[in-house]
């Protein structure tokens, strides 16, 4: 059963990447500004749905990481990224 769970997680990650790619394409199309209004609205609606799907996938991944860290007894307190270390 562990293999099936791993496969399911992997499929979700692939779907997330695909959704992000589709979002980039939609944004490019909308930013060009050459779509008719009805097509632009449909693309915008599709973008909103993709954004929600991506957010749900990221939230699920975050929960999984928190659970794994808790199971391992690691500190799961969120820490900010420090970009000034260059």
N, C-alpha and C. Protein backbone atom coordinates (compact mmCIF):
# COMPACT_ATOMS: atom_id res chain seq x y z
N UNK A 1 0.80 -1.20 0.00
CA UNK A 1 0.00 0.00 0.00
C UNK A 1 0.85 1.26 0.00
N UNK A 2 2.04 1.20 0.55
CA UNK A 2 2.90 2.38 0.60
C UNK A 2 3.22 2.87 -0.80
N UNK A 3 3.40 1.93 -1.75
CA UNK A 3 3.72 2.33 -3.11
C UNK A 3 2.56 3.08 -3.75
N UNK A 4 1.33 2.65 -3.49
CA UNK A 4 0.17 3.34 -4.04
C UNK A 4 0.07 4.75 -3.49
N UNK A 5 0.33 4.93 -2.21
CA UNK A 5 0.30 6.25 -1.60
C UNK A 5 1.36 7.15 -2.18
N UNK A 6 2.55 6.59 -2.42
CA UNK A 6 3.64 7.37 -3.01
C UNK A 6 3.28 7.78 -4.43
N UNK A 7 2.69 6.87 -5.17
CA UNK A 7 2.30 7.17 -6.54
C UNK A 7 1.25 8.27 -6.56
N UNK A 8 0.30 8.22 -5.64
CA UNK A 8 -0.74 9.23 -5.59
C UNK A 8 -0.15 10.60 -5.28
N UNK A 9 0.80 10.66 -4.36
CA UNK A 9 1.46 11.91 -4.03
C UNK A 9 2.22 12.45 -5.23
N UNK A 10 2.91 11.56 -5.95
CA UNK A 10 3.67 11.95 -7.12
C UNK A 10 2.75 12.50 -8.20
N UNK A 11 1.59 11.87 -8.42
CA UNK A 11 0.64 12.35 -9.41
C UNK A 11 0.14 13.74 -9.06
N UNK A 12 -0.11 14.00 -7.77
CA UNK A 12 -0.56 15.32 -7.36
C UNK A 12 0.50 16.36 -7.64
N UNK A 13 1.76 16.03 -7.40
CA UNK A 13 2.85 16.97 -7.66
C UNK A 13 2.92 17.28 -9.15
N UNK A 14 2.74 16.26 -9.99
CA UNK A 14 2.76 16.47 -11.43
C UNK A 14 1.58 17.34 -11.84
N UNK A 15 0.41 17.11 -11.26
CA UNK A 15 -0.75 17.93 -11.56
C UNK A 15 -0.53 19.38 -11.14
N UNK A 16 0.15 19.59 -10.02
CA UNK A 16 0.43 20.94 -9.56
C UNK A 16 1.33 21.65 -10.57
N UNK A 17 2.36 20.97 -11.02
CA UNK A 17 3.25 21.56 -12.01
C UNK A 17 2.50 21.89 -13.30
N UNK A 18 1.63 21.00 -13.72
CA UNK A 18 0.84 21.24 -14.93
C UNK A 18 -0.08 22.43 -14.74
N UNK A 19 -0.73 22.50 -13.59
CA UNK A 19 -1.64 23.61 -13.30
C UNK A 19 -0.89 24.94 -13.27
N UNK A 20 0.30 24.95 -12.70
CA UNK A 20 1.10 26.18 -12.67
C UNK A 20 1.49 26.61 -14.08
N UNK A 21 1.82 25.65 -14.91
CA UNK A 21 2.15 25.95 -16.30
C UNK A 21 0.95 26.53 -17.04
N UNK A 22 -0.22 25.94 -16.81
CA UNK A 22 -1.44 26.45 -17.43
C UNK A 22 -1.74 27.86 -16.95
N UNK A 23 -1.52 28.10 -15.65
CA UNK A 23 -1.74 29.45 -15.11
C UNK A 23 -0.83 30.46 -15.79
N UNK A 24 0.43 30.11 -15.97
CA UNK A 24 1.37 31.01 -16.64
C UNK A 24 0.90 31.34 -18.05
N UNK A 25 0.43 30.31 -18.75
CA UNK A 25 -0.07 30.52 -20.11
C UNK A 25 -1.29 31.43 -20.10
N UNK A 26 -2.21 31.20 -19.17
CA UNK A 26 -3.40 32.04 -19.07
C UNK A 26 -3.04 33.50 -18.78
N UNK A 27 -2.12 33.70 -17.86
CA UNK A 27 -1.70 35.06 -17.52
C UNK A 27 -1.10 35.74 -18.75
N UNK A 28 -0.25 35.02 -19.47
CA UNK A 28 0.34 35.59 -20.68
C UNK A 28 -0.73 36.01 -21.68
N UNK A 29 -1.72 35.13 -21.88
CA UNK A 29 -2.81 35.44 -22.82
C UNK A 29 -3.59 36.66 -22.38
N UNK A 30 -3.91 36.72 -21.09
CA UNK A 30 -4.70 37.84 -20.57
C UNK A 30 -3.91 39.14 -20.59
N UNK A 31 -2.61 39.06 -20.33
CA UNK A 31 -1.79 40.28 -20.32
C UNK A 31 -1.59 40.86 -21.72
N UNK A 32 -1.65 40.01 -22.73
CA UNK A 32 -1.54 40.52 -24.10
C UNK A 32 -2.70 41.46 -24.42
N UNK A 33 -3.87 41.16 -23.85
CA UNK A 33 -5.03 42.04 -24.02
C UNK A 33 -5.71 41.93 -25.37
N UNK A 34 -5.43 40.89 -26.14
CA UNK A 34 -6.04 40.79 -27.46
C UNK A 34 -7.19 39.78 -27.53
N UNK A 35 -7.61 39.25 -26.39
CA UNK A 35 -8.72 38.31 -26.37
C UNK A 35 -10.05 39.06 -26.35
N UNK A 36 -11.05 38.51 -27.03
CA UNK A 36 -12.39 39.09 -26.91
C UNK A 36 -12.86 38.96 -25.44
N UNK A 37 -13.73 39.83 -25.03
CA UNK A 37 -14.16 39.88 -23.64
C UNK A 37 -14.68 38.54 -23.14
N UNK A 38 -15.54 37.87 -23.90
CA UNK A 38 -16.10 36.60 -23.44
C UNK A 38 -15.01 35.53 -23.26
N UNK A 39 -14.05 35.49 -24.17
CA UNK A 39 -12.93 34.54 -24.06
C UNK A 39 -12.04 34.90 -22.86
N UNK A 40 -11.80 36.19 -22.65
CA UNK A 40 -10.99 36.64 -21.52
C UNK A 40 -11.66 36.27 -20.20
N UNK A 41 -12.97 36.42 -20.12
CA UNK A 41 -13.68 36.05 -18.89
C UNK A 41 -13.61 34.54 -18.64
N UNK A 42 -13.74 33.75 -19.69
CA UNK A 42 -13.63 32.29 -19.54
C UNK A 42 -12.23 31.90 -19.08
N UNK A 43 -11.22 32.53 -19.66
CA UNK A 43 -9.84 32.25 -19.26
C UNK A 43 -9.60 32.68 -17.81
N UNK A 44 -10.17 33.81 -17.43
CA UNK A 44 -10.04 34.28 -16.06
C UNK A 44 -10.68 33.29 -15.09
N UNK A 45 -11.89 32.82 -15.42
CA UNK A 45 -12.57 31.82 -14.58
C UNK A 45 -11.73 30.56 -14.45
N UNK A 46 -11.15 30.13 -15.56
CA UNK A 46 -10.31 28.94 -15.53
C UNK A 46 -9.09 29.18 -14.64
N UNK A 47 -8.53 30.37 -14.71
CA UNK A 47 -7.38 30.72 -13.87
C UNK A 47 -7.72 30.71 -12.39
N UNK A 48 -8.90 31.21 -12.05
CA UNK A 48 -9.33 31.20 -10.65
C UNK A 48 -9.47 29.76 -10.16
N UNK A 49 -10.06 28.90 -10.98
CA UNK A 49 -10.21 27.49 -10.59
C UNK A 49 -8.85 26.82 -10.43
N UNK A 50 -7.93 27.08 -11.35
CA UNK A 50 -6.59 26.50 -11.26
C UNK A 50 -5.87 27.00 -10.01
N UNK A 51 -6.04 28.28 -9.70
CA UNK A 51 -5.42 28.85 -8.51
C UNK A 51 -5.93 28.16 -7.25
N UNK A 52 -7.22 27.92 -7.20
CA UNK A 52 -7.80 27.22 -6.04
C UNK A 52 -7.25 25.80 -5.93
N UNK A 53 -7.14 25.12 -7.05
CA UNK A 53 -6.60 23.76 -7.05
C UNK A 53 -5.14 23.76 -6.57
N UNK A 54 -4.37 24.72 -7.04
CA UNK A 54 -2.96 24.81 -6.62
C UNK A 54 -2.86 25.11 -5.13
N UNK A 55 -3.69 26.01 -4.67
CA UNK A 55 -3.68 26.36 -3.25
C UNK A 55 -4.03 25.14 -2.39
N UNK A 56 -5.02 24.36 -2.83
CA UNK A 56 -5.41 23.16 -2.09
C UNK A 56 -4.28 22.14 -2.07
N UNK A 57 -3.61 21.97 -3.20
CA UNK A 57 -2.49 21.01 -3.27
C UNK A 57 -1.34 21.46 -2.38
N UNK A 58 -1.05 22.75 -2.37
CA UNK A 58 0.03 23.26 -1.52
C UNK A 58 -0.31 23.15 -0.04
N UNK A 59 -1.57 23.40 0.30
CA UNK A 59 -2.00 23.26 1.69
C UNK A 59 -1.88 21.81 2.14
N UNK A 60 -2.28 20.88 1.28
CA UNK A 60 -2.17 19.46 1.61
C UNK A 60 -0.71 19.06 1.80
N UNK A 61 0.17 19.56 0.94
CA UNK A 61 1.59 19.25 1.06
C UNK A 61 2.16 19.83 2.36
N UNK A 62 1.74 21.03 2.70
CA UNK A 62 2.21 21.65 3.94
C UNK A 62 1.77 20.84 5.15
N UNK A 63 0.53 20.38 5.15
CA UNK A 63 0.04 19.54 6.26
C UNK A 63 0.85 18.25 6.36
N UNK A 64 1.14 17.66 5.22
CA UNK A 64 1.90 16.41 5.22
C UNK A 64 3.29 16.63 5.80
N UNK A 65 3.94 17.72 5.42
CA UNK A 65 5.27 18.04 5.95
C UNK A 65 5.20 18.24 7.46
N UNK A 66 4.19 18.95 7.91
CA UNK A 66 4.02 19.18 9.35
C UNK A 66 3.84 17.86 10.10
N UNK A 67 3.04 16.96 9.54
CA UNK A 67 2.82 15.66 10.17
C UNK A 67 4.10 14.84 10.21
N UNK A 68 4.82 14.84 9.11
CA UNK A 68 6.07 14.08 9.06
C UNK A 68 7.09 14.62 10.05
N UNK A 69 7.16 15.93 10.15
CA UNK A 69 8.11 16.53 11.09
C UNK A 69 7.70 16.24 12.53
N UNK A 70 6.41 16.28 12.81
CA UNK A 70 5.92 15.98 14.15
C UNK A 70 6.20 14.52 14.49
N UNK A 71 5.97 13.62 13.54
CA UNK A 71 6.23 12.19 13.76
C UNK A 71 7.71 11.93 14.03
N UNK A 72 8.57 12.73 13.40
CA UNK A 72 10.01 12.55 13.57
C UNK A 72 10.53 13.30 14.80
N UNK A 73 9.64 14.02 15.47
CA UNK A 73 10.05 14.77 16.66
C UNK A 73 10.86 16.01 16.34
N UNK A 74 10.73 16.51 15.13
CA UNK A 74 11.46 17.70 14.72
C UNK A 74 10.66 18.95 15.04
N UNK A 75 11.34 20.06 15.16
CA UNK A 75 10.69 21.34 15.41
C UNK A 75 9.95 21.75 14.14
N UNK A 76 8.63 21.84 14.22
CA UNK A 76 7.85 22.20 13.04
C UNK A 76 7.37 23.65 13.09
N UNK A 77 8.02 24.46 13.92
CA UNK A 77 7.67 25.86 13.99
C UNK A 77 8.13 26.54 12.70
N UNK A 78 7.21 27.19 11.99
CA UNK A 78 7.60 27.86 10.75
C UNK A 78 8.66 28.92 11.02
N UNK A 79 9.64 28.98 10.14
CA UNK A 79 10.69 29.97 10.24
C UNK A 79 10.75 30.73 8.92
N UNK A 80 10.93 32.03 8.98
CA UNK A 80 10.99 32.80 7.72
C UNK A 80 12.27 32.50 6.96
N UNK A 81 12.18 32.61 5.64
CA UNK A 81 13.37 32.48 4.81
C UNK A 81 14.21 33.74 5.01
N UNK A 82 15.50 33.57 5.06
CA UNK A 82 16.40 34.71 5.20
C UNK A 82 17.16 34.89 3.91
N UNK A 83 16.70 35.80 3.07
CA UNK A 83 17.31 36.02 1.76
C UNK A 83 18.57 36.86 1.83
N UNK A 84 18.90 37.41 2.98
CA UNK A 84 20.04 38.32 3.12
C UNK A 84 21.35 37.61 3.41
N UNK A 85 21.40 36.28 3.30
CA UNK A 85 22.60 35.52 3.65
C UNK A 85 23.61 35.45 2.52
N UNK A 86 23.33 36.10 1.39
CA UNK A 86 24.25 36.04 0.24
C UNK A 86 25.48 36.73 0.58
